[in-house]
N, C-alpha and C. Protein backbone atom coordinates (compact mmCIF):
# COMPACT_ATOMS: atom_id res chain seq x y z
N MET A 1 86.24 2.89 -26.57
CA MET A 1 85.68 1.56 -26.74
C MET A 1 86.78 0.54 -26.45
N SER A 2 86.49 -0.44 -25.59
CA SER A 2 87.48 -1.46 -25.25
C SER A 2 87.73 -2.40 -26.43
N THR A 3 88.82 -3.14 -26.37
CA THR A 3 89.14 -4.08 -27.45
C THR A 3 88.05 -5.13 -27.58
N ALA A 4 87.52 -5.62 -26.46
CA ALA A 4 86.44 -6.62 -26.51
C ALA A 4 85.21 -6.05 -27.21
N GLU A 5 84.88 -4.79 -26.93
CA GLU A 5 83.75 -4.14 -27.59
C GLU A 5 84.01 -3.96 -29.08
N GLN A 6 85.27 -3.63 -29.44
CA GLN A 6 85.63 -3.49 -30.85
C GLN A 6 85.52 -4.83 -31.57
N ILE A 7 85.96 -5.90 -30.90
CA ILE A 7 85.86 -7.23 -31.50
C ILE A 7 84.39 -7.57 -31.72
N ARG A 8 83.57 -7.33 -30.70
CA ARG A 8 82.13 -7.62 -30.81
C ARG A 8 81.53 -6.87 -32.01
N ALA A 9 81.83 -5.58 -32.12
CA ALA A 9 81.29 -4.78 -33.22
C ALA A 9 81.79 -5.27 -34.57
N THR A 10 82.99 -5.80 -34.62
CA THR A 10 83.57 -6.27 -35.86
C THR A 10 82.95 -7.59 -36.31
N ILE A 11 82.71 -8.51 -35.38
CA ILE A 11 82.28 -9.86 -35.77
C ILE A 11 80.78 -10.09 -35.70
N GLU A 12 80.06 -9.31 -34.92
CA GLU A 12 78.62 -9.55 -34.74
C GLU A 12 77.84 -9.58 -36.06
N PRO A 13 78.06 -8.63 -36.97
CA PRO A 13 77.30 -8.67 -38.23
C PRO A 13 77.57 -9.93 -39.06
N ALA A 14 78.75 -10.52 -38.93
CA ALA A 14 79.08 -11.71 -39.70
C ALA A 14 78.43 -12.97 -39.13
N LEU A 15 78.08 -12.95 -37.84
CA LEU A 15 77.45 -14.11 -37.21
C LEU A 15 75.95 -14.16 -37.44
N ALA A 16 75.32 -13.01 -37.68
CA ALA A 16 73.87 -12.95 -37.87
C ALA A 16 73.37 -13.89 -38.97
N PRO A 17 74.02 -13.96 -40.15
CA PRO A 17 73.54 -14.88 -41.18
C PRO A 17 73.62 -16.36 -40.76
N LEU A 18 74.44 -16.67 -39.76
CA LEU A 18 74.54 -18.04 -39.28
C LEU A 18 73.48 -18.35 -38.22
N GLY A 19 72.69 -17.35 -37.84
CA GLY A 19 71.68 -17.53 -36.81
C GLY A 19 72.27 -17.58 -35.42
N LEU A 20 73.40 -16.88 -35.24
CA LEU A 20 74.10 -16.89 -33.96
C LEU A 20 74.25 -15.47 -33.42
N VAL A 21 74.35 -15.38 -32.10
CA VAL A 21 74.62 -14.12 -31.43
C VAL A 21 75.81 -14.31 -30.50
N ILE A 22 76.44 -13.21 -30.14
CA ILE A 22 77.57 -13.24 -29.22
C ILE A 22 77.03 -13.14 -27.79
N GLU A 23 77.41 -14.09 -26.96
CA GLU A 23 77.07 -14.04 -25.53
C GLU A 23 78.14 -13.27 -24.75
N ASP A 24 79.40 -13.45 -25.15
CA ASP A 24 80.48 -12.79 -24.41
C ASP A 24 81.76 -12.79 -25.25
N VAL A 25 82.59 -11.79 -25.03
CA VAL A 25 83.93 -11.71 -25.62
C VAL A 25 84.88 -11.35 -24.49
N THR A 26 85.93 -12.16 -24.33
CA THR A 26 86.95 -11.84 -23.33
C THR A 26 88.32 -11.95 -23.97
N ILE A 27 89.24 -11.16 -23.44
CA ILE A 27 90.63 -11.19 -23.89
C ILE A 27 91.49 -11.32 -22.65
N SER A 28 92.41 -12.30 -22.66
CA SER A 28 93.29 -12.46 -21.51
C SER A 28 94.71 -12.73 -22.00
N PRO A 29 95.70 -12.26 -21.24
CA PRO A 29 97.09 -12.50 -21.63
C PRO A 29 97.46 -13.95 -21.41
N ALA A 30 98.32 -14.46 -22.29
CA ALA A 30 98.84 -15.83 -22.18
C ALA A 30 100.27 -15.82 -22.70
N GLY A 31 101.20 -15.44 -21.85
CA GLY A 31 102.59 -15.32 -22.27
C GLY A 31 102.74 -14.16 -23.24
N LYS A 32 103.32 -14.45 -24.41
CA LYS A 32 103.51 -13.41 -25.42
C LYS A 32 102.28 -13.22 -26.30
N ARG A 33 101.29 -14.05 -26.09
CA ARG A 33 100.07 -13.98 -26.88
C ARG A 33 98.90 -13.50 -26.03
N ARG A 34 97.81 -13.29 -26.70
CA ARG A 34 96.54 -13.03 -26.02
C ARG A 34 95.58 -14.14 -26.42
N VAL A 35 94.66 -14.48 -25.52
CA VAL A 35 93.61 -15.45 -25.83
C VAL A 35 92.31 -14.67 -25.96
N VAL A 36 91.71 -14.79 -27.13
CA VAL A 36 90.43 -14.16 -27.40
C VAL A 36 89.37 -15.25 -27.36
N ARG A 37 88.46 -15.15 -26.37
CA ARG A 37 87.39 -16.14 -26.22
C ARG A 37 86.07 -15.49 -26.63
N VAL A 38 85.40 -16.15 -27.57
CA VAL A 38 84.11 -15.66 -28.05
C VAL A 38 83.08 -16.74 -27.79
N LEU A 39 82.07 -16.41 -27.00
CA LEU A 39 80.97 -17.34 -26.72
C LEU A 39 79.81 -16.97 -27.61
N VAL A 40 79.31 -17.95 -28.37
CA VAL A 40 78.19 -17.73 -29.28
C VAL A 40 77.03 -18.64 -28.89
N ASP A 41 75.83 -18.20 -29.23
CA ASP A 41 74.64 -19.01 -28.96
C ASP A 41 73.61 -18.75 -30.04
N THR A 42 72.54 -19.51 -30.01
CA THR A 42 71.48 -19.41 -30.99
C THR A 42 70.76 -18.07 -30.88
N ASP A 43 70.54 -17.44 -32.02
CA ASP A 43 69.80 -16.18 -32.06
C ASP A 43 68.31 -16.51 -31.98
N ILE A 44 67.63 -15.96 -30.99
CA ILE A 44 66.20 -16.22 -30.84
C ILE A 44 65.36 -15.00 -31.17
N ALA A 45 65.96 -14.00 -31.78
CA ALA A 45 65.25 -12.76 -32.10
C ALA A 45 64.07 -13.00 -33.04
N ASN A 46 64.13 -14.04 -33.86
CA ASN A 46 63.06 -14.29 -34.83
C ASN A 46 61.95 -15.18 -34.28
N LEU A 47 62.05 -15.60 -33.01
CA LEU A 47 60.96 -16.38 -32.43
C LEU A 47 59.73 -15.50 -32.28
N ASP A 48 58.58 -16.07 -32.53
CA ASP A 48 57.32 -15.36 -32.32
C ASP A 48 57.22 -14.98 -30.85
N PRO A 49 57.01 -13.71 -30.52
CA PRO A 49 56.92 -13.30 -29.11
C PRO A 49 55.83 -14.05 -28.34
N ALA A 50 54.81 -14.53 -29.03
CA ALA A 50 53.75 -15.28 -28.37
C ALA A 50 54.19 -16.71 -28.05
N ASP A 51 55.25 -17.18 -28.70
CA ASP A 51 55.76 -18.52 -28.45
C ASP A 51 56.71 -18.46 -27.26
N THR A 52 56.23 -18.92 -26.13
CA THR A 52 57.03 -18.86 -24.91
C THR A 52 57.45 -20.24 -24.42
N SER A 53 57.07 -21.29 -25.18
CA SER A 53 57.31 -22.63 -24.64
C SER A 53 57.91 -23.65 -25.60
N SER A 54 58.18 -23.29 -26.84
CA SER A 54 58.78 -24.28 -27.74
C SER A 54 60.28 -24.37 -27.48
N PRO A 55 60.83 -25.60 -27.51
CA PRO A 55 62.28 -25.75 -27.31
C PRO A 55 63.08 -25.09 -28.43
N VAL A 56 64.23 -24.57 -28.07
CA VAL A 56 65.15 -23.98 -29.04
C VAL A 56 66.27 -24.99 -29.25
N PRO A 57 66.51 -25.39 -30.51
CA PRO A 57 67.58 -26.36 -30.74
C PRO A 57 68.92 -25.84 -30.22
N PRO A 58 69.68 -26.69 -29.54
CA PRO A 58 70.98 -26.24 -29.04
C PRO A 58 71.97 -26.01 -30.18
N ILE A 59 72.96 -25.21 -29.90
CA ILE A 59 74.03 -24.95 -30.87
C ILE A 59 74.81 -26.25 -31.08
N SER A 60 75.20 -26.51 -32.32
CA SER A 60 75.91 -27.75 -32.65
C SER A 60 77.41 -27.49 -32.85
N LEU A 61 78.17 -28.56 -32.91
CA LEU A 61 79.60 -28.43 -33.21
C LEU A 61 79.82 -27.81 -34.58
N ASP A 62 78.96 -28.15 -35.54
CA ASP A 62 79.07 -27.56 -36.87
C ASP A 62 78.83 -26.05 -36.81
N ASP A 63 77.86 -25.62 -35.98
CA ASP A 63 77.60 -24.19 -35.82
C ASP A 63 78.83 -23.48 -35.26
N VAL A 64 79.47 -24.11 -34.27
CA VAL A 64 80.66 -23.52 -33.66
C VAL A 64 81.81 -23.47 -34.67
N ALA A 65 81.96 -24.52 -35.46
CA ALA A 65 83.02 -24.54 -36.48
C ALA A 65 82.79 -23.44 -37.51
N ASP A 66 81.53 -23.28 -37.96
CA ASP A 66 81.21 -22.21 -38.91
C ASP A 66 81.49 -20.84 -38.30
N ALA A 67 81.10 -20.66 -37.04
CA ALA A 67 81.34 -19.39 -36.35
C ALA A 67 82.83 -19.11 -36.23
N THR A 68 83.61 -20.14 -35.94
CA THR A 68 85.05 -19.97 -35.80
C THR A 68 85.66 -19.46 -37.10
N ARG A 69 85.25 -20.05 -38.22
CA ARG A 69 85.77 -19.59 -39.53
C ARG A 69 85.40 -18.14 -39.79
N VAL A 70 84.14 -17.80 -39.53
CA VAL A 70 83.68 -16.44 -39.79
C VAL A 70 84.39 -15.44 -38.89
N VAL A 71 84.49 -15.76 -37.61
CA VAL A 71 85.15 -14.85 -36.66
C VAL A 71 86.63 -14.68 -37.02
N SER A 72 87.29 -15.79 -37.32
CA SER A 72 88.71 -15.74 -37.68
C SER A 72 88.93 -14.88 -38.92
N ASP A 73 88.11 -15.09 -39.95
CA ASP A 73 88.24 -14.31 -41.18
C ASP A 73 88.00 -12.83 -40.92
N ARG A 74 86.98 -12.53 -40.13
CA ARG A 74 86.63 -11.13 -39.86
C ARG A 74 87.74 -10.44 -39.07
N LEU A 75 88.30 -11.15 -38.07
CA LEU A 75 89.39 -10.55 -37.28
C LEU A 75 90.65 -10.38 -38.13
N ASP A 76 90.93 -11.36 -39.00
CA ASP A 76 92.11 -11.26 -39.87
C ASP A 76 91.99 -10.10 -40.86
N ASP A 77 90.75 -9.83 -41.31
CA ASP A 77 90.53 -8.76 -42.29
C ASP A 77 90.49 -7.37 -41.65
N SER A 78 90.40 -7.32 -40.33
CA SER A 78 90.35 -6.03 -39.65
C SER A 78 91.68 -5.80 -38.92
N ASP A 79 91.82 -4.62 -38.37
CA ASP A 79 93.04 -4.32 -37.61
C ASP A 79 92.74 -4.25 -36.11
N VAL A 80 91.59 -4.79 -35.69
CA VAL A 80 91.18 -4.68 -34.30
C VAL A 80 92.14 -5.38 -33.33
N MET A 81 92.83 -6.44 -33.77
CA MET A 81 93.75 -7.16 -32.89
C MET A 81 95.18 -6.65 -33.01
N GLY A 82 95.42 -5.73 -33.92
CA GLY A 82 96.77 -5.21 -34.09
C GLY A 82 97.70 -6.29 -34.65
N ARG A 83 98.99 -6.13 -34.39
CA ARG A 83 99.98 -7.06 -34.95
C ARG A 83 100.41 -8.12 -33.95
N ALA A 84 100.01 -8.00 -32.70
CA ALA A 84 100.42 -8.98 -31.68
C ALA A 84 99.70 -10.32 -31.93
N PRO A 85 100.40 -11.44 -31.71
CA PRO A 85 99.78 -12.75 -31.94
C PRO A 85 98.69 -13.03 -30.89
N TYR A 86 97.71 -13.82 -31.31
CA TYR A 86 96.64 -14.20 -30.40
C TYR A 86 96.12 -15.58 -30.75
N VAL A 87 95.46 -16.19 -29.79
CA VAL A 87 94.80 -17.48 -29.99
C VAL A 87 93.30 -17.20 -29.91
N LEU A 88 92.56 -17.69 -30.89
CA LEU A 88 91.12 -17.49 -30.92
C LEU A 88 90.42 -18.76 -30.46
N GLU A 89 89.52 -18.63 -29.50
CA GLU A 89 88.69 -19.74 -29.04
C GLU A 89 87.23 -19.34 -29.21
N VAL A 90 86.48 -20.12 -29.96
CA VAL A 90 85.06 -19.88 -30.14
C VAL A 90 84.33 -21.10 -29.59
N SER A 91 83.33 -20.86 -28.71
CA SER A 91 82.59 -21.98 -28.12
C SER A 91 81.19 -21.53 -27.75
N SER A 92 80.40 -22.51 -27.29
CA SER A 92 79.08 -22.19 -26.74
C SER A 92 79.25 -21.88 -25.26
N PRO A 93 78.26 -21.25 -24.64
CA PRO A 93 78.39 -20.93 -23.22
C PRO A 93 78.52 -22.16 -22.32
N GLY A 94 77.94 -23.28 -22.68
CA GLY A 94 78.04 -24.48 -21.86
C GLY A 94 77.02 -24.51 -20.74
N ILE A 95 76.82 -25.68 -20.17
CA ILE A 95 75.77 -25.83 -19.17
C ILE A 95 76.16 -25.28 -17.81
N GLY A 96 77.44 -25.08 -17.55
CA GLY A 96 77.85 -24.57 -16.25
C GLY A 96 77.74 -23.07 -16.11
N ARG A 97 77.52 -22.37 -17.19
CA ARG A 97 77.45 -20.91 -17.17
C ARG A 97 76.11 -20.46 -16.57
N ALA A 98 76.16 -19.48 -15.71
CA ALA A 98 74.95 -18.98 -15.06
C ALA A 98 74.02 -18.33 -16.08
N LEU A 99 72.74 -18.63 -15.96
CA LEU A 99 71.71 -18.01 -16.79
C LEU A 99 71.22 -16.78 -16.05
N LYS A 100 71.22 -15.65 -16.72
CA LYS A 100 70.78 -14.41 -16.07
C LYS A 100 69.73 -13.67 -16.88
N SER A 101 69.84 -13.68 -18.18
CA SER A 101 68.92 -12.89 -19.00
C SER A 101 67.72 -13.73 -19.45
N ARG A 102 66.68 -13.03 -19.88
CA ARG A 102 65.50 -13.71 -20.39
C ARG A 102 65.86 -14.61 -21.57
N ASP A 103 66.69 -14.09 -22.50
CA ASP A 103 67.06 -14.88 -23.67
C ASP A 103 67.83 -16.13 -23.29
N GLN A 104 68.71 -16.03 -22.30
CA GLN A 104 69.45 -17.21 -21.86
C GLN A 104 68.50 -18.27 -21.30
N PHE A 105 67.50 -17.84 -20.53
CA PHE A 105 66.50 -18.79 -20.03
C PHE A 105 65.64 -19.33 -21.16
N ARG A 106 65.26 -18.47 -22.10
CA ARG A 106 64.37 -18.89 -23.19
C ARG A 106 65.00 -20.01 -24.01
N ARG A 107 66.30 -19.97 -24.19
CA ARG A 107 66.99 -21.02 -24.95
C ARG A 107 66.96 -22.37 -24.23
N GLN A 108 66.64 -22.38 -22.95
CA GLN A 108 66.71 -23.60 -22.15
C GLN A 108 65.34 -24.24 -21.89
N VAL A 109 64.28 -23.75 -22.53
CA VAL A 109 62.95 -24.34 -22.34
C VAL A 109 63.02 -25.83 -22.64
N GLY A 110 62.44 -26.62 -21.73
CA GLY A 110 62.44 -28.07 -21.86
C GLY A 110 63.53 -28.75 -21.05
N ARG A 111 64.46 -27.98 -20.54
CA ARG A 111 65.57 -28.55 -19.79
C ARG A 111 65.35 -28.42 -18.29
N LEU A 112 66.05 -29.23 -17.54
CA LEU A 112 66.01 -29.18 -16.08
C LEU A 112 66.92 -28.05 -15.63
N VAL A 113 66.37 -27.12 -14.85
CA VAL A 113 67.08 -25.91 -14.47
C VAL A 113 66.91 -25.65 -12.98
N GLU A 114 67.99 -25.25 -12.33
CA GLU A 114 67.90 -24.75 -10.96
C GLU A 114 67.84 -23.23 -11.05
N VAL A 115 66.86 -22.64 -10.38
CA VAL A 115 66.69 -21.19 -10.40
C VAL A 115 66.80 -20.66 -8.97
N VAL A 116 67.76 -19.78 -8.76
CA VAL A 116 67.92 -19.11 -7.47
C VAL A 116 67.24 -17.75 -7.61
N HIS A 117 66.29 -17.49 -6.72
CA HIS A 117 65.52 -16.25 -6.80
C HIS A 117 65.30 -15.69 -5.40
N GLU A 118 64.68 -14.52 -5.34
CA GLU A 118 64.48 -13.85 -4.06
C GLU A 118 63.75 -14.72 -3.05
N GLY A 119 62.87 -15.60 -3.51
CA GLY A 119 62.11 -16.46 -2.60
C GLY A 119 62.80 -17.76 -2.24
N GLY A 120 63.99 -18.00 -2.76
CA GLY A 120 64.72 -19.24 -2.46
C GLY A 120 65.32 -19.85 -3.71
N SER A 121 65.20 -21.16 -3.80
CA SER A 121 65.79 -21.89 -4.93
C SER A 121 64.83 -23.01 -5.31
N ASP A 122 64.61 -23.18 -6.61
CA ASP A 122 63.75 -24.25 -7.12
C ASP A 122 64.44 -24.93 -8.28
N THR A 123 64.26 -26.25 -8.37
CA THR A 123 64.79 -27.02 -9.50
C THR A 123 63.62 -27.73 -10.16
N GLY A 124 63.50 -27.54 -11.46
CA GLY A 124 62.41 -28.17 -12.20
C GLY A 124 62.61 -28.01 -13.69
N ARG A 125 61.68 -28.59 -14.43
CA ARG A 125 61.72 -28.50 -15.89
C ARG A 125 61.21 -27.12 -16.29
N LEU A 126 61.99 -26.38 -17.04
CA LEU A 126 61.61 -25.05 -17.51
C LEU A 126 60.60 -25.25 -18.64
N THR A 127 59.37 -24.85 -18.40
CA THR A 127 58.31 -25.09 -19.38
C THR A 127 57.92 -23.87 -20.19
N GLU A 128 58.20 -22.68 -19.65
CA GLU A 128 57.80 -21.47 -20.34
C GLU A 128 58.63 -20.29 -19.86
N VAL A 129 58.95 -19.39 -20.80
CA VAL A 129 59.63 -18.14 -20.46
C VAL A 129 58.91 -17.03 -21.19
N GLY A 130 58.17 -16.23 -20.43
CA GLY A 130 57.44 -15.11 -21.00
C GLY A 130 58.26 -13.84 -20.91
N ALA A 131 57.61 -12.73 -21.14
CA ALA A 131 58.29 -11.44 -21.13
C ALA A 131 58.80 -11.08 -19.74
N ASP A 132 58.06 -11.48 -18.69
CA ASP A 132 58.45 -11.07 -17.35
C ASP A 132 58.45 -12.18 -16.31
N ARG A 133 58.16 -13.43 -16.74
CA ARG A 133 58.19 -14.53 -15.78
C ARG A 133 58.52 -15.84 -16.48
N LEU A 134 59.04 -16.76 -15.69
CA LEU A 134 59.30 -18.10 -16.19
C LEU A 134 58.50 -19.09 -15.37
N THR A 135 58.28 -20.28 -15.95
CA THR A 135 57.49 -21.31 -15.29
C THR A 135 58.30 -22.59 -15.20
N LEU A 136 58.35 -23.15 -13.99
CA LEU A 136 59.04 -24.41 -13.75
C LEU A 136 58.01 -25.47 -13.36
N ALA A 137 58.16 -26.67 -13.91
CA ALA A 137 57.40 -27.84 -13.47
C ALA A 137 58.30 -28.57 -12.50
N ILE A 138 57.97 -28.49 -11.22
CA ILE A 138 58.82 -29.05 -10.17
C ILE A 138 58.29 -30.44 -9.82
N PRO A 139 59.14 -31.47 -9.94
CA PRO A 139 58.67 -32.84 -9.69
C PRO A 139 58.39 -33.08 -8.20
N ALA A 140 57.60 -34.10 -7.95
CA ALA A 140 57.28 -34.49 -6.58
C ALA A 140 58.52 -35.02 -5.87
N THR A 141 58.55 -34.78 -4.57
CA THR A 141 59.59 -35.36 -3.71
C THR A 141 58.88 -36.12 -2.60
N LYS A 142 59.63 -36.72 -1.71
CA LYS A 142 59.03 -37.43 -0.59
C LYS A 142 58.25 -36.50 0.32
N LYS A 143 58.67 -35.23 0.35
CA LYS A 143 58.06 -34.26 1.26
C LYS A 143 57.04 -33.34 0.61
N ALA A 144 57.03 -33.26 -0.72
CA ALA A 144 56.14 -32.31 -1.39
C ALA A 144 55.59 -32.89 -2.69
N ALA A 145 54.38 -32.48 -3.01
CA ALA A 145 53.75 -32.90 -4.27
C ALA A 145 54.35 -32.12 -5.44
N ALA A 146 54.19 -32.67 -6.63
CA ALA A 146 54.63 -31.95 -7.83
C ALA A 146 53.84 -30.65 -7.93
N ARG A 147 54.48 -29.64 -8.49
CA ARG A 147 53.80 -28.35 -8.62
C ARG A 147 54.37 -27.56 -9.79
N ILE A 148 53.59 -26.57 -10.20
CA ILE A 148 54.03 -25.62 -11.22
C ILE A 148 54.34 -24.33 -10.48
N GLU A 149 55.54 -23.80 -10.71
CA GLU A 149 55.98 -22.59 -10.00
C GLU A 149 56.26 -21.49 -11.02
N GLY A 150 55.57 -20.36 -10.88
CA GLY A 150 55.84 -19.18 -11.69
C GLY A 150 56.79 -18.27 -10.93
N ILE A 151 57.83 -17.82 -11.59
CA ILE A 151 58.84 -16.98 -10.95
C ILE A 151 59.03 -15.72 -11.79
N GLU A 152 58.92 -14.57 -11.15
CA GLU A 152 59.15 -13.30 -11.84
C GLU A 152 60.61 -13.21 -12.25
N LEU A 153 60.87 -12.83 -13.49
CA LEU A 153 62.25 -12.71 -13.96
C LEU A 153 63.03 -11.68 -13.16
N ASP A 154 62.36 -10.64 -12.70
CA ASP A 154 63.04 -9.61 -11.90
C ASP A 154 63.57 -10.16 -10.58
N SER A 155 62.97 -11.25 -10.08
CA SER A 155 63.41 -11.82 -8.80
C SER A 155 64.50 -12.88 -8.97
N VAL A 156 64.80 -13.25 -10.21
CA VAL A 156 65.79 -14.30 -10.48
C VAL A 156 67.19 -13.73 -10.31
N GLN A 157 68.00 -14.41 -9.50
CA GLN A 157 69.39 -14.02 -9.32
C GLN A 157 70.28 -14.75 -10.32
N ARG A 158 69.97 -16.04 -10.53
CA ARG A 158 70.70 -16.82 -11.55
C ARG A 158 70.01 -18.16 -11.73
N GLY A 159 70.33 -18.78 -12.84
CA GLY A 159 69.84 -20.12 -13.12
C GLY A 159 71.00 -20.97 -13.60
N THR A 160 70.86 -22.28 -13.44
CA THR A 160 71.89 -23.20 -13.90
C THR A 160 71.21 -24.42 -14.51
N VAL A 161 71.61 -24.77 -15.73
CA VAL A 161 71.10 -25.98 -16.37
C VAL A 161 71.68 -27.18 -15.63
N GLN A 162 70.83 -28.14 -15.33
CA GLN A 162 71.26 -29.35 -14.64
C GLN A 162 71.55 -30.45 -15.67
N VAL A 163 72.59 -31.21 -15.43
CA VAL A 163 72.97 -32.30 -16.34
C VAL A 163 71.97 -33.43 -16.17
N GLU A 164 71.46 -33.92 -17.29
CA GLU A 164 70.56 -35.07 -17.30
C GLU A 164 71.13 -36.12 -18.23
N PHE A 165 71.27 -37.33 -17.74
CA PHE A 165 71.77 -38.39 -18.60
C PHE A 165 70.64 -39.10 -19.33
N LYS A 166 69.44 -38.93 -18.85
CA LYS A 166 68.28 -39.49 -19.53
C LYS A 166 67.09 -38.60 -19.22
N ARG A 167 66.60 -37.94 -20.24
CA ARG A 167 65.42 -37.09 -20.08
C ARG A 167 64.18 -37.96 -20.14
N PRO A 168 63.08 -37.48 -19.55
CA PRO A 168 61.84 -38.25 -19.59
C PRO A 168 61.36 -38.55 -21.01
N ASP A 169 61.65 -37.67 -21.97
CA ASP A 169 61.20 -37.89 -23.35
C ASP A 169 62.16 -38.75 -24.16
N ASP A 170 63.21 -39.27 -23.53
CA ASP A 170 64.19 -40.12 -24.21
C ASP A 170 63.87 -41.59 -23.96
N ALA A 171 62.68 -42.03 -24.26
CA ALA A 171 62.27 -43.41 -23.99
C ALA A 171 63.22 -44.39 -24.66
N GLY A 172 63.78 -45.25 -23.85
CA GLY A 172 64.65 -46.31 -24.36
C GLY A 172 66.08 -45.90 -24.62
N SER A 173 66.38 -44.63 -24.56
CA SER A 173 67.75 -44.18 -24.83
C SER A 173 68.49 -43.99 -23.52
N SER A 174 69.65 -44.60 -23.42
CA SER A 174 70.45 -44.41 -22.21
C SER A 174 71.66 -43.54 -22.47
N ALA A 175 71.85 -43.14 -23.72
CA ALA A 175 72.99 -42.29 -24.05
C ALA A 175 72.68 -40.85 -23.66
N PRO A 176 73.67 -40.13 -23.14
CA PRO A 176 73.44 -38.72 -22.79
C PRO A 176 73.11 -37.91 -24.03
N ASP A 177 72.25 -36.94 -23.87
CA ASP A 177 71.94 -36.00 -24.93
C ASP A 177 73.17 -35.12 -25.14
N ALA A 178 73.55 -34.91 -26.39
CA ALA A 178 74.74 -34.12 -26.68
C ALA A 178 74.67 -32.75 -26.04
N ALA A 179 73.48 -32.19 -25.99
CA ALA A 179 73.34 -30.86 -25.39
C ALA A 179 73.58 -30.90 -23.89
N ASP A 180 73.39 -32.06 -23.27
CA ASP A 180 73.59 -32.17 -21.83
C ASP A 180 75.01 -32.54 -21.46
N THR A 181 75.81 -32.95 -22.41
CA THR A 181 77.17 -33.35 -22.09
C THR A 181 78.19 -32.26 -22.39
N ASP A 182 77.75 -31.21 -23.07
CA ASP A 182 78.72 -30.16 -23.39
C ASP A 182 78.95 -29.27 -22.17
N ALA A 183 80.18 -29.04 -21.91
CA ALA A 183 80.52 -28.08 -20.86
C ALA A 183 80.86 -26.78 -21.55
N GLY A 184 80.35 -26.62 -22.72
CA GLY A 184 80.67 -25.54 -23.63
C GLY A 184 81.32 -26.21 -24.79
N LEU A 185 80.71 -26.15 -25.94
CA LEU A 185 81.30 -26.81 -27.09
C LEU A 185 82.57 -26.07 -27.44
N ALA A 186 83.68 -26.70 -27.14
CA ALA A 186 84.97 -26.07 -27.35
C ALA A 186 85.30 -26.18 -28.81
N GLY A 187 84.53 -25.50 -29.63
CA GLY A 187 84.61 -25.55 -31.07
C GLY A 187 86.00 -25.60 -31.63
N SER A 188 86.64 -24.50 -31.74
CA SER A 188 87.91 -24.45 -32.41
C SER A 188 88.84 -23.48 -31.72
N GLU A 189 90.10 -23.77 -31.92
CA GLU A 189 91.14 -22.88 -31.40
C GLU A 189 92.10 -22.65 -32.53
N GLU A 190 92.42 -21.41 -32.78
CA GLU A 190 93.32 -21.05 -33.87
C GLU A 190 94.37 -20.08 -33.39
N ASP A 191 95.60 -20.27 -33.81
CA ASP A 191 96.67 -19.30 -33.57
C ASP A 191 96.65 -18.29 -34.70
N HIS A 192 96.88 -17.04 -34.35
CA HIS A 192 96.94 -15.97 -35.36
C HIS A 192 98.17 -15.16 -35.15
């Protein structure tokens, strides 16, 4: 079992009570230290399987701070990192990270997403993510009328959340949505 897998096994049970799951764990050398990066996101396992279209609240800075404390404590209490010093970084995946899994897409319902798939590329509002397909509401352009596009998840190569400074449902608000401005909530960094 690799060190990243050992870290995942050590900290995953402690994140469940916070309603978070691990998206990724990476370890990279940084001089005499190692950098341990843990990406966490909202756990959607408790969503009703029939609910394919309700928005999932984005992870907050408070969630990341809580996760950082839990991960740090769990790693300090275990011997998985050994005696060598390391820096711990806990954050959200951020909007630039490619969406590949059904769960990653499901967390983005309601957001503007570009989806690259076997049939090409479409950008639209993600309105639904079912067991085997997702639905995009693609706005009208000068050359094409607005349409609803169903895309099989098996044909999706990747998706990317698009930055929006003003969503259609933000009437009167010109401030960016916090979820749209994060390039990954760079929660906390701790030396160990």
